[in-house]
Amino acid sequence: MKNVIFIVLDTLRKDRLGIFGNPRNATPFLDEFANHCVNFTNAYANSAWTPPTHASMLTGLLPIHHLVDGDNINLEKKHHFLFSILKKNNYNTASIVVNPYLYESTGFMRDFDIRLELGRKRQYKPYSLLLLRAINKITKAYPSLSSKLILENTKRVLKTLCSSNKPFGIFLNLTQVHSKYDPPRKFLNSFEKYFVNLDEDEKHLVAYICDRGGYEHMAKESPLPDKVIEGIKLLYDAELLFLDSMLRDFFDFIKINKVFSHTTIIIISDHGENLGENGMFYHQFNLSPNLIRIPLLIRDPDLTPKAVNENVAQIDILPSLCDALEIENNEVLDGLSFFLMK
C-alpha cells in the first residue's frame, strides 16, 4: 500500500508561485516539483480561513454541512475524517502542526498515533528550546523558531514511521507565509534587485502592515502607494522563498529514507492572502480570487504528471485520495473524486 504525505502550506497565495506567474524566483523547488505532479490549475478553497478549509479537506464536506465557521471552530466527531479512514485501513498516522486552530482540542487532530502540537511548550524538552533560542539569537536564522522546530520534528516522526512495516499517513501544516511576514535576512537579500525606493516612513509602514498593522489601513478612501504594496509583496515572497527551501530540505530527507517512490504526496494551500490590492490585507472580510484560488499539486507513482484545468475544490481531496489508495469509501460526501471527472 502507498504511504500518504499531506502538506498544507497555510496562507499560500497561488500567484506568488513561479509556475503561476510570479517573476521573482520565490519557489524554485515547488516549481520543479510541479513538473512531477498532477497540477490542478483551477483549484479552489471552500472558505477563506483555516478552520473551515481544513474541515472541508479532511471531511469532504462543505462548510454548510461540517458547520465549522466563524462562530464554531470545533469539528464534530460524527463527521467522516480522512485520517480516521487511513487508521481503519491499517495505516500508522501522524500530525505535526503549529496552528492552535488545528489542535486536538478543536477536533481536528484525532486518530493520530503520533500528534505534535508544536505551539505547546510541553511538546519538546526545555533544554532543546533554550539551545535553539541561543543559536537563533546569534544567527537570526529562524525568526519564529517554529520553522526549525517543525522541520526537525517532522523528520524525526517520518523516521519513526518508516521503521514500521505498515504504511503511514502524515499530516503537516506549515505556517511560514502566514503574517507576520518577517523573513530571515538571507532570503530577503535574494530579492535585492527588486527593492523599491522607499523613504523611511514608507519602510516603517511596510514593516507595520506586515506585522498585522494592515487593519488600520484597510479599505481606506486613499489607497496605499503602489511601491508600498510592492514592498509588502516583497516580504511575503521572501518568506515564501524560506518556505520553499524548507520543503527542499524535507524532500531531500524523504528521498534519502527511500519512501518517495511509493508515496502519494499532496501539497495544497488552505487559502490565499490579500496583499494590499483594493485596500485589503490578510484573509478576512471577502472571498476575492486572491483568497480562494489555491495551488494543488499531487504526486503519485501511478499518475502521469500533467496539468488539469477542470475546476476542483478542497472537498474533492478525501474521495480522490481514497480512490488513489484503493480504499473503499461509501459515505455521502459533497466532494467528487478527481478520477470520476471527465
C-alpha atoms as a PDB file:
ATOM      1  CA  MET A   1       0.000   0.000   0.000  1.00  0.00           C
ATOM      2  CA  LYS A   2       1.113   3.547  -0.704  1.00  0.00           C
ATOM      3  CA  ASN A   3       2.073   5.995   2.016  1.00  0.00           C
ATOM      4  CA  VAL A   4       0.485   9.437   2.239  1.00  0.00           C
ATOM      5  CA  ILE A   5       2.169  12.780   2.928  1.00  0.00           C
ATOM      6  CA  PHE A   6      -0.400  15.586   3.125  1.00  0.00           C
ATOM      7  CA  ILE A   7       1.186  19.045   3.309  1.00  0.00           C
ATOM      8  CA  VAL A   8      -0.869  22.214   3.788  1.00  0.00           C
ATOM      9  CA  LEU A   9       1.042  25.432   3.095  1.00  0.00           C
ATOM     10  CA  ASP A  10      -1.009  27.783   5.216  1.00  0.00           C
ATOM     11  CA  THR A  11      -1.886  31.136   3.563  1.00  0.00           C
ATOM     12  CA  LEU A  12      -0.004  30.384   0.335  1.00  0.00           C
ATOM     13  CA  ARG A  13      -1.309  32.595  -2.427  1.00  0.00           C
ATOM     14  CA  LYS A  14      -1.388  30.885  -5.806  1.00  0.00           C
ATOM     15  CA  ASP A  15       0.001  33.675  -7.986  1.00  0.00           C
ATOM     16  CA  ARG A  16       3.163  34.006  -5.857  1.00  0.00           C
ATOM     17  CA  LEU A  17       4.429  30.691  -7.272  1.00  0.00           C
ATOM     18  CA  GLY A  18       6.632  30.866 -10.338  1.00  0.00           C
ATOM     19  CA  ILE A  19       4.520  28.320 -12.196  1.00  0.00           C
ATOM     20  CA  PHE A  20       1.559  30.684 -11.869  1.00  0.00           C
ATOM     21  CA  GLY A  21       3.291  33.886 -12.918  1.00  0.00           C
ATOM     22  CA  ASN A  22       5.456  35.331 -10.135  1.00  0.00           C
ATOM     23  CA  PRO A  23       8.508  36.882 -11.874  1.00  0.00           C
ATOM     24  CA  ARG A  24      10.599  36.592  -8.710  1.00  0.00           C
ATOM     25  CA  ASN A  25      12.260  33.234  -8.251  1.00  0.00           C
ATOM     26  CA  ALA A  26      10.471  32.647  -4.931  1.00  0.00           C
ATOM     27  CA  THR A  27       9.622  28.951  -5.390  1.00  0.00           C
ATOM     28  CA  PRO A  28      12.420  27.167  -7.289  1.00  0.00           C
ATOM     29  CA  PHE A  29      11.794  23.843  -5.530  1.00  0.00           C
ATOM     30  CA  LEU A  30       7.992  23.888  -5.833  1.00  0.00           C
ATOM     31  CA  ASP A  31       8.197  24.935  -9.488  1.00  0.00           C
ATOM     32  CA  GLU A  32      10.470  21.974 -10.235  1.00  0.00           C
ATOM     33  CA  PHE A  33       8.401  19.589  -8.094  1.00  0.00           C
ATOM     34  CA  ALA A  34       5.269  20.571 -10.039  1.00  0.00           C
ATOM     35  CA  ASN A  35       6.819  19.035 -13.162  1.00  0.00           C
ATOM     36  CA  HIS A  36       6.448  15.622 -11.497  1.00  0.00           C
ATOM     37  CA  CYS A  37       2.885  16.170 -10.303  1.00  0.00           C
ATOM     38  CA  VAL A  38      -0.681  16.405 -11.437  1.00  0.00           C
ATOM     39  CA  ASN A  39      -1.055  20.185 -11.281  1.00  0.00           C
ATOM     40  CA  PHE A  40      -4.658  21.299 -10.786  1.00  0.00           C
ATOM     41  CA  THR A  41      -4.590  24.790 -12.282  1.00  0.00           C
ATOM     42  CA  ASN A  42      -8.168  25.671 -11.266  1.00  0.00           C
ATOM     43  CA  ALA A  43      -8.333  24.557  -7.643  1.00  0.00           C
ATOM     44  CA  TYR A  44     -10.491  26.460  -5.154  1.00  0.00           C
ATOM     45  CA  ALA A  45     -10.704  26.799  -1.396  1.00  0.00           C
ATOM     46  CA  ASN A  46     -14.088  26.214   0.223  1.00  0.00           C
ATOM     47  CA  SER A  47     -13.611  29.167   2.558  1.00  0.00           C
ATOM     48  CA  ALA A  48     -11.047  31.901   3.255  1.00  0.00           C
ATOM     49  CA  TRP A  49      -9.569  30.891   6.584  1.00  0.00           C
ATOM     50  CA  THR A  50      -8.051  27.921   8.388  1.00  0.00           C
ATOM     51  CA  PRO A  51     -10.753  26.020  10.362  1.00  0.00           C
ATOM     52  CA  PRO A  52     -13.448  25.658   7.655  1.00  0.00           C
ATOM     53  CA  THR A  53     -10.952  24.955   4.859  1.00  0.00           C
ATOM     54  CA  HIS A  54      -9.200  22.222   6.845  1.00  0.00           C
ATOM     55  CA  ALA A  55     -12.569  20.774   7.806  1.00  0.00           C
ATOM     56  CA  SER A  56     -13.544  20.590   4.118  1.00  0.00           C
ATOM     57  CA  MET A  57     -10.244  18.956   3.135  1.00  0.00           C
ATOM     58  CA  LEU A  58     -10.387  16.370   5.908  1.00  0.00           C
ATOM     59  CA  THR A  59     -14.112  15.501   5.728  1.00  0.00           C
ATOM     60  CA  GLY A  60     -15.063  16.029   2.082  1.00  0.00           C
ATOM     61  CA  LEU A  61     -17.942  18.261   3.252  1.00  0.00           C
ATOM     62  CA  LEU A  62     -18.905  21.854   2.522  1.00  0.00           C
ATOM     63  CA  PRO A  63     -18.900  24.321   5.447  1.00  0.00           C
ATOM     64  CA  ILE A  64     -22.703  24.303   5.463  1.00  0.00           C
ATOM     65  CA  HIS A  65     -22.524  20.598   6.376  1.00  0.00           C
ATOM     66  CA  HIS A  66     -19.486  20.305   8.655  1.00  0.00           C
ATOM     67  CA  LEU A  67     -20.567  23.575  10.382  1.00  0.00           C
ATOM     68  CA  VAL A  68     -17.064  24.878  11.101  1.00  0.00           C
ATOM     69  CA  ASP A  69     -17.196  28.647  10.584  1.00  0.00           C
ATOM     70  CA  GLY A  70     -16.638  31.986  12.322  1.00  0.00           C
ATOM     71  CA  ASP A  71     -18.915  31.082  15.221  1.00  0.00           C
ATOM     72  CA  ASN A  72     -17.733  27.492  15.637  1.00  0.00           C
ATOM     73  CA  ILE A  73     -14.159  26.290  15.154  1.00  0.00           C
ATOM     74  CA  ASN A  74     -14.744  22.780  16.508  1.00  0.00           C
ATOM     75  CA  LEU A  75     -15.050  19.816  14.162  1.00  0.00           C
ATOM     76  CA  GLU A  76     -17.599  17.317  15.472  1.00  0.00           C
ATOM     77  CA  LYS A  77     -16.513  13.685  15.803  1.00  0.00           C
ATOM     78  CA  LYS A  78     -19.553  12.422  13.919  1.00  0.00           C
ATOM     79  CA  HIS A  79     -18.064  13.569  10.600  1.00  0.00           C
ATOM     80  CA  HIS A  80     -16.136  11.256   8.318  1.00  0.00           C
ATOM     81  CA  PHE A  81     -12.424  12.086   8.810  1.00  0.00           C
ATOM     82  CA  LEU A  82      -9.583  11.364   6.395  1.00  0.00           C
ATOM     83  CA  PHE A  83      -7.002  10.103   8.870  1.00  0.00           C
ATOM     84  CA  SER A  84      -9.583   8.024  10.736  1.00  0.00           C
ATOM     85  CA  ILE A  85     -10.213   6.272   7.429  1.00  0.00           C
ATOM     86  CA  LEU A  86      -6.481   5.642   6.987  1.00  0.00           C
ATOM     87  CA  LYS A  87      -6.173   4.313  10.517  1.00  0.00           C
ATOM     88  CA  LYS A  88      -9.064   1.882   9.959  1.00  0.00           C
ATOM     89  CA  ASN A  89      -7.204   0.633   6.887  1.00  0.00           C
ATOM     90  CA  ASN A  90      -4.081  -0.343   8.823  1.00  0.00           C
ATOM     91  CA  TYR A  91      -2.132   2.898   8.424  1.00  0.00           C
ATOM     92  CA  ASN A  92       0.082   4.434  11.059  1.00  0.00           C
ATOM     93  CA  THR A  93      -0.832   8.113  11.302  1.00  0.00           C
ATOM     94  CA  ALA A  94       0.949  11.270  12.456  1.00  0.00           C
ATOM     95  CA  SER A  95       0.297  15.013  12.540  1.00  0.00           C
ATOM     96  CA  ILE A  96       2.654  17.949  13.074  1.00  0.00           C
ATOM     97  CA  VAL A  97       1.020  21.360  13.444  1.00  0.00           C
ATOM     98  CA  VAL A  98       1.739  24.780  14.942  1.00  0.00           C
ATOM     99  CA  ASN A  99      -1.619  26.455  14.328  1.00  0.00           C
ATOM    100  CA  PRO A 100      -3.780  26.167  17.502  1.00  0.00           C
ATOM    101  CA  TYR A 101      -6.931  26.047  15.377  1.00  0.00           C
ATOM    102  CA  LEU A 102      -5.821  22.527  14.439  1.00  0.00           C
ATOM    103  CA  TYR A 103      -5.090  21.140  17.895  1.00  0.00           C
ATOM    104  CA  GLU A 104      -6.797  18.030  19.233  1.00  0.00           C
ATOM    105  CA  SER A 105      -8.975  20.239  21.447  1.00  0.00           C
ATOM    106  CA  THR A 106     -10.800  21.550  18.357  1.00  0.00           C
ATOM    107  CA  GLY A 107     -11.490  18.068  16.987  1.00  0.00           C
ATOM    108  CA  PHE A 108      -9.084  18.187  14.041  1.00  0.00           C
ATOM    109  CA  MET A 109      -6.148  16.117  15.211  1.00  0.00           C
ATOM    110  CA  ARG A 110      -7.880  12.860  16.071  1.00  0.00           C
ATOM    111  CA  ASP A 111      -6.947   9.264  15.372  1.00  0.00           C
ATOM    112  CA  PHE A 112      -3.243  10.030  15.085  1.00  0.00           C
ATOM    113  CA  ASP A 113      -0.704   7.608  16.532  1.00  0.00           C
ATOM    114  CA  ILE A 114       1.765  10.490  16.775  1.00  0.00           C
ATOM    115  CA  ARG A 115       0.486  14.004  17.343  1.00  0.00           C
ATOM    116  CA  LEU A 116       2.751  17.027  17.789  1.00  0.00           C
ATOM    117  CA  GLU A 117       1.214  20.406  18.543  1.00  0.00           C
ATOM    118  CA  LEU A 118       4.372  22.469  18.331  1.00  0.00           C
ATOM    119  CA  GLY A 119       2.818  25.635  19.699  1.00  0.00           C
ATOM    120  CA  ARG A 120       2.743  23.898  23.085  1.00  0.00           C
ATOM    121  CA  LYS A 121       5.994  24.053  25.053  1.00  0.00           C
ATOM    122  CA  ARG A 122       5.389  20.633  26.571  1.00  0.00           C
ATOM    123  CA  GLN A 123       5.959  19.054  23.142  1.00  0.00           C
ATOM    124  CA  TYR A 124       9.741  19.448  23.344  1.00  0.00           C
ATOM    125  CA  LYS A 125      12.377  19.360  26.077  1.00  0.00           C
ATOM    126  CA  PRO A 126      13.198  22.692  27.778  1.00  0.00           C
ATOM    127  CA  TYR A 127      16.953  22.430  27.190  1.00  0.00           C
ATOM    128  CA  SER A 128      16.345  21.903  23.444  1.00  0.00           C
ATOM    129  CA  LEU A 129      14.279  25.072  23.282  1.00  0.00           C
ATOM    130  CA  LEU A 130      16.920  27.049  25.212  1.00  0.00           C
ATOM    131  CA  LEU A 131      19.648  25.819  22.874  1.00  0.00           C
ATOM    132  CA  LEU A 132      17.621  26.742  19.803  1.00  0.00           C
ATOM    133  CA  ARG A 133      16.928  30.196  21.224  1.00  0.00           C
ATOM    134  CA  ALA A 134      20.634  30.735  21.902  1.00  0.00           C
ATOM    135  CA  ILE A 135      21.580  29.697  18.369  1.00  0.00           C
ATOM    136  CA  ASN A 136      18.801  31.806  16.914  1.00  0.00           C
ATOM    137  CA  LYS A 137      19.913  34.887  18.861  1.00  0.00           C
ATOM    138  CA  ILE A 138      23.312  34.653  17.193  1.00  0.00           C
ATOM    139  CA  THR A 139      22.354  33.557  13.682  1.00  0.00           C
ATOM    140  CA  LYS A 140      18.848  35.086  13.397  1.00  0.00           C
ATOM    141  CA  ALA A 141      18.135  32.201  11.014  1.00  0.00           C
ATOM    142  CA  TYR A 142      14.673  31.337  12.318  1.00  0.00           C
ATOM    143  CA  PRO A 143      12.688  34.423  13.386  1.00  0.00           C
ATOM    144  CA  SER A 144       9.828  32.447  14.918  1.00  0.00           C
ATOM    145  CA  LEU A 145      11.748  29.276  15.875  1.00  0.00           C
ATOM    146  CA  SER A 146       8.639  27.306  14.855  1.00  0.00           C
ATOM    147  CA  SER A 147      10.081  26.773  11.364  1.00  0.00           C
ATOM    148  CA  LYS A 148      13.148  24.963  12.694  1.00  0.00           C
ATOM    149  CA  LEU A 149      11.149  23.017  15.257  1.00  0.00           C
ATOM    150  CA  ILE A 150       8.509  21.789  12.839  1.00  0.00           C
ATOM    151  CA  LEU A 151      11.031  20.698  10.225  1.00  0.00           C
ATOM    152  CA  GLU A 152      13.268  18.769  12.616  1.00  0.00           C
ATOM    153  CA  ASN A 153      10.306  17.177  14.400  1.00  0.00           C
ATOM    154  CA  THR A 154       8.767  16.145  11.073  1.00  0.00           C
ATOM    155  CA  LYS A 155      11.982  14.385  10.076  1.00  0.00           C
ATOM    156  CA  ARG A 156      12.055  12.577  13.403  1.00  0.00           C
ATOM    157  CA  VAL A 157       8.420  11.484  13.063  1.00  0.00           C
ATOM    158  CA  LEU A 158       8.926  10.335   9.491  1.00  0.00           C
ATOM    159  CA  LYS A 159      11.918   8.239  10.528  1.00  0.00           C
ATOM    160  CA  THR A 160       9.799   6.589  13.236  1.00  0.00           C
ATOM    161  CA  LEU A 161       7.011   5.829  10.754  1.00  0.00           C
ATOM    162  CA  CYS A 162       9.475   4.364   8.252  1.00  0.00           C
ATOM    163  CA  SER A 163      10.694   1.870  10.863  1.00  0.00           C
ATOM    164  CA  SER A 164       7.304   0.108  10.785  1.00  0.00           C
ATOM    165  CA  ASN A 165       6.146  -2.423   8.227  1.00  0.00           C
ATOM    166  CA  LYS A 166       2.789  -0.653   7.964  1.00  0.00           C
ATOM    167  CA  PRO A 167       2.025   2.151   5.507  1.00  0.00           C
ATOM    168  CA  PHE A 168       1.760   5.607   7.010  1.00  0.00           C
ATOM    169  CA  GLY A 169      -0.200   8.807   6.607  1.00  0.00           C
ATOM    170  CA  ILE A 170       1.348  12.067   7.812  1.00  0.00           C
ATOM    171  CA  PHE A 171      -0.285  15.498   8.020  1.00  0.00           C
ATOM    172  CA  LEU A 172       1.901  18.607   8.058  1.00  0.00           C
ATOM    173  CA  ASN A 173       0.755  22.225   8.344  1.00  0.00           C
ATOM    174  CA  LEU A 174       3.419  24.866   7.627  1.00  0.00           C
ATOM    175  CA  THR A 175       2.604  28.470   8.569  1.00  0.00           C
ATOM    176  CA  GLN A 176       5.713  30.238   7.284  1.00  0.00           C
ATOM    177  CA  VAL A 177       3.905  32.632   4.909  1.00  0.00           C
ATOM    178  CA  HIS A 178       1.174  33.499   7.394  1.00  0.00           C
ATOM    179  CA  SER A 179       1.515  37.053   8.711  1.00  0.00           C
ATOM    180  CA  LYS A 180       3.607  38.452  10.159  1.00  0.00           C
ATOM    181  CA  TYR A 181       5.987  38.481   7.190  1.00  0.00           C
ATOM    182  CA  ASP A 182       9.446  38.619   8.758  1.00  0.00           C
ATOM    183  CA  PRO A 183      11.813  36.574   6.585  1.00  0.00           C
ATOM    184  CA  PRO A 184      15.411  35.810   7.519  1.00  0.00           C
ATOM    185  CA  ARG A 185      17.793  38.372   6.048  1.00  0.00           C
ATOM    186  CA  LYS A 186      19.405  35.677   3.884  1.00  0.00           C
ATOM    187  CA  PHE A 187      16.179  35.214   1.906  1.00  0.00           C
ATOM    188  CA  LEU A 188      15.274  38.887   1.761  1.00  0.00           C
ATOM    189  CA  ASN A 189      18.698  39.635   0.278  1.00  0.00           C
ATOM    190  CA  SER A 190      17.944  37.204  -2.551  1.00  0.00           C
ATOM    191  CA  PHE A 191      15.478  39.763  -3.905  1.00  0.00           C
ATOM    192  CA  GLU A 192      17.707  42.813  -3.502  1.00  0.00           C
ATOM    193  CA  LYS A 193      17.320  43.818  -7.148  1.00  0.00           C
ATOM    194  CA  TYR A 194      13.555  44.084  -6.639  1.00  0.00           C
ATOM    195  CA  PHE A 195      13.766  46.582  -3.772  1.00  0.00           C
ATOM    196  CA  VAL A 196      11.784  49.726  -4.439  1.00  0.00           C
ATOM    197  CA  ASN A 197      12.834  53.226  -3.476  1.00  0.00           C
ATOM    198  CA  LEU A 198      11.025  53.728  -0.194  1.00  0.00           C
ATOM    199  CA  ASP A 199      11.641  56.569   2.198  1.00  0.00           C
ATOM    200  CA  GLU A 200      11.971  55.838   5.911  1.00  0.00           C
ATOM    201  CA  ASP A 201       8.280  56.440   6.660  1.00  0.00           C
ATOM    202  CA  GLU A 202       7.265  54.071   3.857  1.00  0.00           C
ATOM    203  CA  LYS A 203       9.669  51.409   5.086  1.00  0.00           C
ATOM    204  CA  HIS A 204       8.174  51.622   8.568  1.00  0.00           C
ATOM    205  CA  LEU A 205       4.682  51.401   7.051  1.00  0.00           C
ATOM    206  CA  VAL A 206       5.573  48.239   5.109  1.00  0.00           C
ATOM    207  CA  ALA A 207       7.014  46.645   8.256  1.00  0.00           C
ATOM    208  CA  TYR A 208       3.974  47.692  10.289  1.00  0.00           C
ATOM    209  CA  ILE A 209       1.471  46.235   7.819  1.00  0.00           C
ATOM    210  CA  CYS A 210       3.491  43.025   7.551  1.00  0.00           C
ATOM    211  CA  ASP A 211       3.255  42.779  11.343  1.00  0.00           C
ATOM    212  CA  ARG A 212      -0.576  42.760  11.334  1.00  0.00           C
ATOM    213  CA  GLY A 213      -0.962  46.543  11.173  1.00  0.00           C
ATOM    214  CA  GLY A 214      -2.907  46.423   7.927  1.00  0.00           C
ATOM    215  CA  TYR A 215      -6.282  46.556   9.659  1.00  0.00           C
ATOM    216  CA  GLU A 216      -5.798  50.273  10.224  1.00  0.00           C
ATOM    217  CA  HIS A 217      -5.256  50.825   6.500  1.00  0.00           C
ATOM    218  CA  MET A 218      -7.939  48.513   5.171  1.00  0.00           C
ATOM    219  CA  ALA A 219     -10.486  49.844   2.666  1.00  0.00           C
ATOM    220  CA  LYS A 220      -9.433  53.475   3.087  1.00  0.00           C
ATOM    221  CA  GLU A 221     -10.536  56.105   0.562  1.00  0.00           C
ATOM    222  CA  SER A 222      -6.896  56.884  -0.228  1.00  0.00           C
ATOM    223  CA  PRO A 223      -5.152  53.662  -1.309  1.00  0.00           C
ATOM    224  CA  LEU A 224      -1.571  52.941  -0.371  1.00  0.00           C
ATOM    225  CA  PRO A 225       1.093  53.831  -2.949  1.00  0.00           C
ATOM    226  CA  ASP A 226       1.949  51.041  -5.362  1.00  0.00           C
ATOM    227  CA  LYS A 227       5.536  50.938  -4.117  1.00  0.00           C
ATOM    228  CA  VAL A 228       4.347  50.255  -0.564  1.00  0.00           C
ATOM    229  CA  ILE A 229       2.169  47.377  -1.788  1.00  0.00           C
ATOM    230  CA  GLU A 230       5.152  46.084  -3.768  1.00  0.00           C
ATOM    231  CA  GLY A 231       7.248  46.225  -0.596  1.00  0.00           C
ATOM    232  CA  ILE A 232       4.641  44.112   1.218  1.00  0.00           C
ATOM    233  CA  LYS A 233       4.701  41.545  -1.589  1.00  0.00           C
ATOM    234  CA  LEU A 234       8.488  41.528  -1.423  1.00  0.00           C
ATOM    235  CA  LEU A 235       8.500  40.470   2.229  1.00  0.00           C
ATOM    236  CA  TYR A 236       5.809  37.862   1.561  1.00  0.00           C
ATOM    237  CA  ASP A 237       7.849  36.447  -1.337  1.00  0.00           C
ATOM    238  CA  ALA A 238      10.992  36.310   0.813  1.00  0.00           C
ATOM    239  CA  GLU A 239       9.037  34.291   3.396  1.00  0.00           C
ATOM    240  CA  LEU A 240       7.906  32.043   0.560  1.00  0.00           C
ATOM    241  CA  LEU A 241      11.497  31.533  -0.578  1.00  0.00           C
ATOM    242  CA  PHE A 242      12.315  30.487   3.001  1.00  0.00           C
ATOM    243  CA  LEU A 243       9.381  28.038   2.982  1.00  0.00           C
ATOM    244  CA  ASP A 244      10.491  26.678  -0.394  1.00  0.00           C
ATOM    245  CA  SER A 245      13.978  25.988   0.996  1.00  0.00           C
ATOM    246  CA  MET A 246      12.444  24.133   3.956  1.00  0.00           C
ATOM    247  CA  LEU A 247      10.433  21.959   1.579  1.00  0.00           C
ATOM    248  CA  ARG A 248      13.538  21.160  -0.460  1.00  0.00           C
ATOM    249  CA  ASP A 249      15.317  20.079   2.715  1.00  0.00           C
ATOM    250  CA  PHE A 250      12.369  17.910   3.775  1.00  0.00           C
ATOM    251  CA  PHE A 251      12.008  16.226   0.386  1.00  0.00           C
ATOM    252  CA  ASP A 252      15.740  15.503   0.258  1.00  0.00           C
ATOM    253  CA  PHE A 253      15.221  13.721   3.580  1.00  0.00           C
ATOM    254  CA  ILE A 254      12.267  11.779   2.138  1.00  0.00           C
ATOM    255  CA  LYS A 255      14.382  10.555  -0.772  1.00  0.00           C
ATOM    256  CA  ILE A 256      17.268   9.544   1.490  1.00  0.00           C
ATOM    257  CA  ASN A 257      14.854   7.418   3.514  1.00  0.00           C
ATOM    258  CA  LYS A 258      13.585   5.727   0.334  1.00  0.00           C
ATOM    259  CA  VAL A 259       9.872   6.422   0.752  1.00  0.00           C
ATOM    260  CA  PHE A 260       9.444   8.784  -2.191  1.00  0.00           C
ATOM    261  CA  SER A 261       8.833   6.107  -4.825  1.00  0.00           C
ATOM    262  CA  HIS A 262       5.805   4.556  -3.083  1.00  0.00           C
ATOM    263  CA  THR A 263       4.154   7.606  -1.533  1.00  0.00           C
ATOM    264  CA  THR A 264       1.236   9.797  -2.575  1.00  0.00           C
ATOM    265  CA  ILE A 265       2.104  13.415  -1.834  1.00  0.00           C
ATOM    266  CA  ILE A 266      -0.423  16.239  -1.694  1.00  0.00           C
ATOM    267  CA  ILE A 267       0.693  19.873  -1.499  1.00  0.00           C
ATOM    268  CA  ILE A 268      -2.129  22.368  -1.145  1.00  0.00           C
ATOM    269  CA  SER A 269      -2.927  25.738   0.396  1.00  0.00           C
ATOM    270  CA  ASP A 270      -5.820  26.214   2.796  1.00  0.00           C
ATOM    271  CA  HIS A 271      -6.459  29.730   1.409  1.00  0.00           C
ATOM    272  CA  GLY A 272      -4.613  32.666  -0.128  1.00  0.00           C
ATOM    273  CA  GLU A 273      -3.820  36.156   1.088  1.00  0.00           C
ATOM    274  CA  ASN A 274      -4.679  39.771   0.258  1.00  0.00           C
ATOM    275  CA  LEU A 275      -1.507  41.820  -0.143  1.00  0.00           C
ATOM    276  CA  GLY A 276      -2.916  45.316  -0.427  1.00  0.00           C
ATOM    277  CA  GLU A 277      -4.958  45.048  -3.607  1.00  0.00           C
ATOM    278  CA  ASN A 278      -8.193  47.047  -3.411  1.00  0.00           C
ATOM    279  CA  GLY A 279      -7.244  48.161   0.078  1.00  0.00           C
ATOM    280  CA  MET A 280      -7.469  44.628   1.540  1.00  0.00           C
ATOM    281  CA  PHE A 281      -4.969  42.719   3.659  1.00  0.00           C
ATOM    282  CA  TYR A 282      -4.648  39.232   5.159  1.00  0.00           C
ATOM    283  CA  HIS A 283      -7.574  36.851   4.579  1.00  0.00           C
ATOM    284  CA  GLN A 284     -10.683  38.305   6.172  1.00  0.00           C
ATOM    285  CA  PHE A 285     -13.819  40.093   5.024  1.00  0.00           C
ATOM    286  CA  ASN A 286     -14.031  38.938   1.397  1.00  0.00           C
ATOM    287  CA  LEU A 287     -13.797  35.997  -0.999  1.00  0.00           C
ATOM    288  CA  SER A 288     -11.555  37.539  -3.640  1.00  0.00           C
ATOM    289  CA  PRO A 289      -9.694  35.335  -6.140  1.00  0.00           C
ATOM    290  CA  ASN A 290      -6.531  36.108  -4.161  1.00  0.00           C
ATOM    291  CA  LEU A 291      -8.068  34.129  -1.289  1.00  0.00           C
ATOM    292  CA  ILE A 292      -9.953  31.242  -2.854  1.00  0.00           C
ATOM    293  CA  ARG A 293      -7.787  30.327  -5.864  1.00  0.00           C
ATOM    294  CA  ILE A 294      -5.167  27.959  -4.488  1.00  0.00           C
ATOM    295  CA  PRO A 295      -2.340  25.701  -5.690  1.00  0.00           C
ATOM    296  CA  LEU A 296      -2.905  21.950  -5.621  1.00  0.00           C
ATOM    297  CA  LEU A 297      -0.166  19.507  -6.583  1.00  0.00           C
ATOM    298  CA  ILE A 298      -0.479  15.724  -6.321  1.00  0.00           C
ATOM    299  CA  ARG A 299       2.451  13.425  -6.888  1.00  0.00           C
ATOM    300  CA  ASP A 300       1.520   9.752  -7.113  1.00  0.00           C
ATOM    301  CA  PRO A 301       3.615   6.876  -8.503  1.00  0.00           C
ATOM    302  CA  ASP A 302       0.590   5.658 -10.501  1.00  0.00           C
ATOM    303  CA  LEU A 303      -0.353   9.037 -12.010  1.00  0.00           C
ATOM    304  CA  THR A 304       1.184  10.660 -15.090  1.00  0.00           C
ATOM    305  CA  PRO A 305       2.340  14.240 -14.411  1.00  0.00           C
ATOM    306  CA  LYS A 306       0.189  16.742 -16.275  1.00  0.00           C
ATOM    307  CA  ALA A 307      -1.801  19.951 -15.905  1.00  0.00           C
ATOM    308  CA  VAL A 308      -5.526  19.516 -15.221  1.00  0.00           C
ATOM    309  CA  ASN A 309      -7.719  22.521 -15.987  1.00  0.00           C
ATOM    310  CA  GLU A 310     -11.067  21.278 -14.652  1.00  0.00           C
ATOM    311  CA  ASN A 311     -12.434  23.053 -11.588  1.00  0.00           C
ATOM    312  CA  VAL A 312     -11.713  21.173  -8.355  1.00  0.00           C
ATOM    313  CA  ALA A 313     -12.116  22.096  -4.699  1.00  0.00           C
ATOM    314  CA  GLN A 314     -10.836  21.121  -1.279  1.00  0.00           C
ATOM    315  CA  ILE A 315     -13.870  18.912  -0.677  1.00  0.00           C
ATOM    316  CA  ASP A 316     -12.613  16.667  -3.515  1.00  0.00           C
ATOM    317  CA  ILE A 317      -9.412  15.705  -1.666  1.00  0.00           C
ATOM    318  CA  LEU A 318     -10.840  12.978   0.592  1.00  0.00           C
ATOM    319  CA  PRO A 319     -12.737  10.966  -2.057  1.00  0.00           C
ATOM    320  CA  SER A 320      -9.851  11.350  -4.517  1.00  0.00           C
ATOM    321  CA  LEU A 321      -7.280  10.112  -2.040  1.00  0.00           C
ATOM    322  CA  CYS A 322      -9.459   7.116  -1.181  1.00  0.00           C
ATOM    323  CA  ASP A 323      -9.558   6.266  -4.885  1.00  0.00           C
ATOM    324  CA  ALA A 324      -5.803   6.705  -5.299  1.00  0.00           C
ATOM    325  CA  LEU A 325      -5.154   4.389  -2.337  1.00  0.00           C
ATOM    326  CA  GLU A 326      -7.909   1.951  -3.384  1.00  0.00           C
ATOM    327  CA  ILE A 327      -9.683   2.423  -0.062  1.00  0.00           C
ATOM    328  CA  GLU A 328     -13.413   1.789  -0.016  1.00  0.00           C
ATOM    329  CA  ASN A 329     -15.495   4.815   0.943  1.00  0.00           C
ATOM    330  CA  ASN A 330     -19.290   4.597   0.961  1.00  0.00           C
ATOM    331  CA  GLU A 331     -20.041   7.810   2.836  1.00  0.00           C
ATOM    332  CA  VAL A 332     -22.179  10.511   1.195  1.00  0.00           C
ATOM    333  CA  LEU A 333     -19.842  13.446   0.616  1.00  0.00           C
ATOM    334  CA  ASP A 334     -20.052  16.820  -1.076  1.00  0.00           C
ATOM    335  CA  GLY A 335     -16.749  16.228  -2.833  1.00  0.00           C
ATOM    336  CA  LEU A 336     -16.180  14.227  -6.005  1.00  0.00           C
ATOM    337  CA  SER A 337     -13.143  12.105  -6.791  1.00  0.00           C
ATOM    338  CA  PHE A 338     -10.848  13.587  -9.419  1.00  0.00           C
ATOM    339  CA  PHE A 339     -10.811  10.163 -11.054  1.00  0.00           C
ATOM    340  CA  LEU A 340     -14.551  10.364 -11.796  1.00  0.00           C
ATOM    341  CA  MET A 341     -14.234  13.696 -13.576  1.00  0.00           C
ATOM    342  CA  LYS A 342     -14.202  13.756 -17.326  1.00  0.00           C
END
